[in-house]
Protein backbone atom coordinates (compact mmCIF):
# COMPACT_ATOMS: atom_id res chain seq x y z
CA MET A 1 -39.65 76.41 -39.76
CA GLU A 2 -41.15 75.67 -36.34
CA ARG A 3 -43.35 78.19 -34.59
CA MET A 4 -42.05 79.63 -31.35
CA MET A 5 -43.79 78.17 -28.29
CA LYS A 6 -44.87 80.29 -25.36
CA VAL A 7 -44.04 78.56 -22.08
CA ASP A 8 -45.25 79.30 -18.56
CA LEU A 9 -41.88 79.33 -16.80
CA GLU A 10 -43.52 78.56 -13.44
CA ASN A 11 -44.57 75.16 -14.82
CA VAL A 12 -41.12 74.21 -16.15
CA GLN A 13 -39.55 71.69 -13.81
CA VAL A 14 -35.76 71.67 -13.77
CA TYR A 15 -33.91 68.76 -12.22
CA VAL A 16 -30.43 67.28 -11.88
CA ASN A 17 -29.74 64.13 -13.89
CA SER A 18 -26.59 63.11 -12.03
CA GLU A 19 -26.15 59.91 -14.08
CA ALA A 20 -25.83 61.98 -17.27
CA ASN A 21 -24.07 64.94 -15.56
CA ARG A 22 -26.81 67.29 -16.73
CA ILE A 23 -29.33 69.79 -15.50
CA GLU A 24 -32.52 69.11 -17.47
CA GLY A 25 -35.89 70.58 -18.17
CA ARG A 26 -38.52 68.95 -20.37
CA ILE A 27 -41.27 70.84 -22.14
CA GLU A 28 -43.56 68.53 -24.09
CA ASP A 29 -41.18 66.48 -26.29
CA TYR A 30 -38.31 68.96 -26.03
CA LEU A 31 -35.24 68.54 -23.81
CA CYS A 32 -33.40 71.59 -22.48
CA LEU A 33 -30.08 70.92 -20.78
CA ILE A 34 -26.86 72.10 -19.22
CA ASP A 35 -23.99 69.59 -19.38
CA PHE A 36 -21.44 69.65 -16.58
CA ILE A 37 -18.28 67.92 -15.44
CA PRO A 38 -17.84 67.36 -11.69
CA ALA A 39 -14.26 68.16 -10.73
CA GLY A 40 -13.88 67.68 -6.98
CA ARG A 41 -15.45 70.66 -5.21
CA VAL A 42 -15.90 72.45 -8.54
CA ILE A 43 -18.42 71.87 -11.31
CA VAL A 44 -17.49 72.88 -14.85
CA PHE A 45 -20.51 73.78 -16.98
CA THR A 46 -19.67 72.88 -20.57
CA HIS A 47 -22.79 73.31 -22.68
CA THR A 48 -26.26 74.84 -22.51
CA GLU A 49 -28.99 73.97 -24.97
CA VAL A 50 -32.56 75.13 -25.44
CA PRO A 51 -34.33 74.14 -28.64
CA PRO A 52 -34.89 77.21 -30.86
CA VAL A 53 -38.67 76.73 -30.71
CA LEU A 54 -38.49 77.41 -26.94
CA GLY A 55 -36.09 80.34 -27.10
CA GLY A 56 -36.96 83.61 -25.38
CA ASN A 57 -38.97 82.06 -22.55
CA GLY A 58 -36.29 82.30 -19.84
CA ILE A 59 -35.72 78.55 -19.65
CA ALA A 60 -31.90 78.79 -19.86
CA GLY A 61 -31.90 81.34 -17.03
CA LYS A 62 -34.02 79.06 -14.84
CA MET A 63 -31.68 76.13 -15.55
CA VAL A 64 -28.60 78.25 -14.76
CA ARG A 65 -30.09 79.27 -11.42
CA ALA A 66 -30.77 75.59 -10.64
CA ALA A 67 -27.24 74.65 -11.73
CA LEU A 68 -25.66 77.29 -9.50
CA ALA A 69 -27.81 76.18 -6.56
CA TYR A 70 -26.64 72.60 -7.17
């Protein structure tokens, strides 16, 4: 079982990977993501994933805020 990692949320960079239709954040070797489907003027968010070792740090919330701003 992996130990939970503490992450400084201020240092987590979240970006749009438009080629993969994803919002992404990388922490060390871990990828956090939100998949989306562009549908005209609407974006459908289909999946959010944060590796369990990073859970509880607020990463998903930061990605959701970035996704909604996008």
